[in-house]
C-alpha atoms as a PDB file:
ATOM      1  CA  UNK A   1     122.018  96.881 107.210  1.00  0.00           C
ATOM      2  CA  UNK A   2     120.703  97.273 103.664  1.00  0.00           C
ATOM      3  CA  UNK A   3     117.198  96.207 102.773  1.00  0.00           C
ATOM      4  CA  UNK A   4     116.632  93.590 100.103  1.00  0.00           C
ATOM      5  CA  UNK A   5     114.295  94.332  97.177  1.00  0.00           C
ATOM      6  CA  UNK A   6     111.279  92.739  98.868  1.00  0.00           C
ATOM      7  CA  UNK A   7     111.793  94.689 102.096  1.00  0.00           C
ATOM      8  CA  UNK A   8     112.372  97.936 100.209  1.00  0.00           C
ATOM      9  CA  UNK A   9     109.132  97.520  98.260  1.00  0.00           C
ATOM     10  CA  UNK A  10     107.304  96.794 101.519  1.00  0.00           C
ATOM     11  CA  UNK A  11     108.726  99.997 103.038  1.00  0.00           C
ATOM     12  CA  UNK A  12     107.700 102.063 100.010  1.00  0.00           C
ATOM     13  CA  UNK A  13     104.181 100.607 100.114  1.00  0.00           C
ATOM     14  CA  UNK A  14     103.961 101.599 103.780  1.00  0.00           C
ATOM     15  CA  UNK A  15     105.284 105.079 103.046  1.00  0.00           C
ATOM     16  CA  UNK A  16     102.761 105.434 100.247  1.00  0.00           C
ATOM     17  CA  UNK A  17      99.974 104.541 102.654  1.00  0.00           C
ATOM     18  CA  UNK A  18     101.184 107.210 105.073  1.00  0.00           C
ATOM     19  CA  UNK A  19     101.922 109.834 102.398  1.00  0.00           C
ATOM     20  CA  UNK A  20      99.694 109.027  99.402  1.00  0.00           C
ATOM     21  CA  UNK A  21     100.379 112.307  97.584  1.00  0.00           C
ATOM     22  CA  UNK A  22     104.185 112.183  97.835  1.00  0.00           C
ATOM     23  CA  UNK A  23     105.654 112.013  94.353  1.00  0.00           C
ATOM     24  CA  UNK A  24     109.082 111.052  95.700  1.00  0.00           C
ATOM     25  CA  UNK A  25     107.560 107.849  97.021  1.00  0.00           C
ATOM     26  CA  UNK A  26     105.305 107.093  94.058  1.00  0.00           C
ATOM     27  CA  UNK A  27     107.959 107.367  91.352  1.00  0.00           C
ATOM     28  CA  UNK A  28     110.421 104.823  92.822  1.00  0.00           C
ATOM     29  CA  UNK A  29     107.527 102.535  93.715  1.00  0.00           C
ATOM     30  CA  UNK A  30     106.411 102.511  90.075  1.00  0.00           C
ATOM     31  CA  UNK A  31     109.990 101.726  89.023  1.00  0.00           C
ATOM     32  CA  UNK A  32     110.258  98.903  91.573  1.00  0.00           C
ATOM     33  CA  UNK A  33     106.984  97.403  90.373  1.00  0.00           C
ATOM     34  CA  UNK A  34     108.248  97.501  86.794  1.00  0.00           C
ATOM     35  CA  UNK A  35     111.541  95.906  87.804  1.00  0.00           C
ATOM     36  CA  UNK A  36     109.598  93.065  89.455  1.00  0.00           C
ATOM     37  CA  UNK A  37     107.651  92.539  86.197  1.00  0.00           C
ATOM     38  CA  UNK A  38     104.434  93.839  87.731  1.00  0.00           C
ATOM     39  CA  UNK A  39     103.649  96.154  84.810  1.00  0.00           C
ATOM     40  CA  UNK A  40      99.871  95.952  85.231  1.00  0.00           C
ATOM     41  CA  UNK A  41     100.176  96.952  88.895  1.00  0.00           C
ATOM     42  CA  UNK A  42     102.570  99.781  87.973  1.00  0.00           C
ATOM     43  CA  UNK A  43     100.108 101.049  85.315  1.00  0.00           C
ATOM     44  CA  UNK A  44      97.199 101.044  87.748  1.00  0.00           C
ATOM     45  CA  UNK A  45      99.252 102.697  90.455  1.00  0.00           C
ATOM     46  CA  UNK A  46     100.284 105.464  88.037  1.00  0.00           C
ATOM     47  CA  UNK A  47      96.653 105.912  86.925  1.00  0.00           C
ATOM     48  CA  UNK A  48      95.472 106.100  90.536  1.00  0.00           C
ATOM     49  CA  UNK A  49      98.139 108.715  91.266  1.00  0.00           C
ATOM     50  CA  UNK A  50      96.993 110.709  88.229  1.00  0.00           C
ATOM     51  CA  UNK A  51      93.398 110.543  89.448  1.00  0.00           C
ATOM     52  CA  UNK A  52      94.435 111.593  92.958  1.00  0.00           C
ATOM     53  CA  UNK A  53      96.538 114.511  91.695  1.00  0.00           C
ATOM     54  CA  UNK A  54      93.737 115.730  89.434  1.00  0.00           C
ATOM     55  CA  UNK A  55      91.184 115.472  92.239  1.00  0.00           C
ATOM     56  CA  UNK A  56      93.459 117.492  94.526  1.00  0.00           C
ATOM     57  CA  UNK A  57      93.936 120.163  91.865  1.00  0.00           C
ATOM     58  CA  UNK A  58      97.589 119.324  91.153  1.00  0.00           C
ATOM     59  CA  UNK A  59      97.167 119.449  87.388  1.00  0.00           C
ATOM     60  CA  UNK A  60     100.837 119.418  86.420  1.00  0.00           C
ATOM     61  CA  UNK A  61     101.464 116.383  88.645  1.00  0.00           C
ATOM     62  CA  UNK A  62      98.417 114.685  87.145  1.00  0.00           C
ATOM     63  CA  UNK A  63      99.823 115.337  83.671  1.00  0.00           C
ATOM     64  CA  UNK A  64     103.147 113.817  84.698  1.00  0.00           C
ATOM     65  CA  UNK A  65     101.487 110.630  85.957  1.00  0.00           C
ATOM     66  CA  UNK A  66      99.303 110.470  82.854  1.00  0.00           C
ATOM     67  CA  UNK A  67     102.503 110.623  80.826  1.00  0.00           C
ATOM     68  CA  UNK A  68     103.805 107.693  82.848  1.00  0.00           C
ATOM     69  CA  UNK A  69     100.550 105.842  82.127  1.00  0.00           C
ATOM     70  CA  UNK A  70     101.114 106.401  78.418  1.00  0.00           C
ATOM     71  CA  UNK A  71     104.742 105.258  78.665  1.00  0.00           C
ATOM     72  CA  UNK A  72     103.551 102.117  80.463  1.00  0.00           C
ATOM     73  CA  UNK A  73     100.921 101.602  77.735  1.00  0.00           C
ATOM     74  CA  UNK A  74      97.886 101.833  80.015  1.00  0.00           C
ATOM     75  CA  UNK A  75      94.957 100.430  78.009  1.00  0.00           C
ATOM     76  CA  UNK A  76      92.405 103.056  79.083  1.00  0.00           C
ATOM     77  CA  UNK A  77      93.404 105.697  76.548  1.00  0.00           C
ATOM     78  CA  UNK A  78      89.960 107.339  76.621  1.00  0.00           C
ATOM     79  CA  UNK A  79      90.237 108.091  80.340  1.00  0.00           C
ATOM     80  CA  UNK A  80      93.844 109.230  79.941  1.00  0.00           C
ATOM     81  CA  UNK A  81      92.884 111.663  77.181  1.00  0.00           C
ATOM     82  CA  UNK A  82      89.901 112.933  79.151  1.00  0.00           C
ATOM     83  CA  UNK A  83      91.986 113.474  82.255  1.00  0.00           C
ATOM     84  CA  UNK A  84      94.744 115.169  80.243  1.00  0.00           C
ATOM     85  CA  UNK A  85      92.222 117.601  78.807  1.00  0.00           C
ATOM     86  CA  UNK A  86      90.848 118.422  82.268  1.00  0.00           C
ATOM     87  CA  UNK A  87      94.335 118.820  83.704  1.00  0.00           C
ATOM     88  CA  UNK A  88      95.428 121.082  80.860  1.00  0.00           C
ATOM     89  CA  UNK A  89      92.301 123.214  81.212  1.00  0.00           C
ATOM     90  CA  UNK A  90      92.732 123.609  84.952  1.00  0.00           C
ATOM     91  CA  UNK A  91      96.462 124.260  84.752  1.00  0.00           C
ATOM     92  CA  UNK A  92      96.014 127.060  82.241  1.00  0.00           C
ATOM     93  CA  UNK A  93      98.469 125.699  79.704  1.00  0.00           C
ATOM     94  CA  UNK A  94      98.933 122.762  77.385  1.00  0.00           C
ATOM     95  CA  UNK A  95     101.911 120.481  76.985  1.00  0.00           C
ATOM     96  CA  UNK A  96     103.145 119.163  73.698  1.00  0.00           C
ATOM     97  CA  UNK A  97     104.191 115.552  73.594  1.00  0.00           C
ATOM     98  CA  UNK A  98     107.775 116.695  72.891  1.00  0.00           C
ATOM     99  CA  UNK A  99     107.760 118.752  76.101  1.00  0.00           C
ATOM    100  CA  UNK A 100     106.438 115.796  78.092  1.00  0.00           C
ATOM    101  CA  UNK A 101     109.095 113.478  76.663  1.00  0.00           C
ATOM    102  CA  UNK A 102     111.780 116.004  77.542  1.00  0.00           C
ATOM    103  CA  UNK A 103     110.513 116.275  81.139  1.00  0.00           C
ATOM    104  CA  UNK A 104     110.516 112.504  81.584  1.00  0.00           C
ATOM    105  CA  UNK A 105     113.943 112.192  79.983  1.00  0.00           C
ATOM    106  CA  UNK A 106     115.300 114.706  82.468  1.00  0.00           C
ATOM    107  CA  UNK A 107     113.540 113.018  85.421  1.00  0.00           C
ATOM    108  CA  UNK A 108     114.733 109.559  84.440  1.00  0.00           C
ATOM    109  CA  UNK A 109     118.317 110.800  84.246  1.00  0.00           C
ATOM    110  CA  UNK A 110     118.167 111.825  87.916  1.00  0.00           C
ATOM    111  CA  UNK A 111     118.908 109.444  90.725  1.00  0.00           C
ATOM    112  CA  UNK A 112     116.132 108.934  93.289  1.00  0.00           C
ATOM    113  CA  UNK A 113     118.033 111.141  95.702  1.00  0.00           C
ATOM    114  CA  UNK A 114     118.364 113.960  93.118  1.00  0.00           C
ATOM    115  CA  UNK A 115     114.707 113.682  92.131  1.00  0.00           C
END
């Protein structure tokens, strides 16, 4: 029996609680929130994931979520820029905005299963 949208979002929220660092849970959850018109919640969730990834030392993952924050037009651009700088310094390399756009274009082209 297939889950409806509400049940699926509930399951993903539960999975996120159990596995808060799992990118394969966070990404579809952000997409589901956007689809439901909950853009502010999606922005905050992406920002919290970026903070979590940076705190855990996963700089490249933090940069990816910061890119999502920018795509979702998160209003806290100062914090995003600050976190991007820290992530780039700790990862040992910098990303150009063209590279980031390319990465997200590739990721968005994948199905959830492929990602």
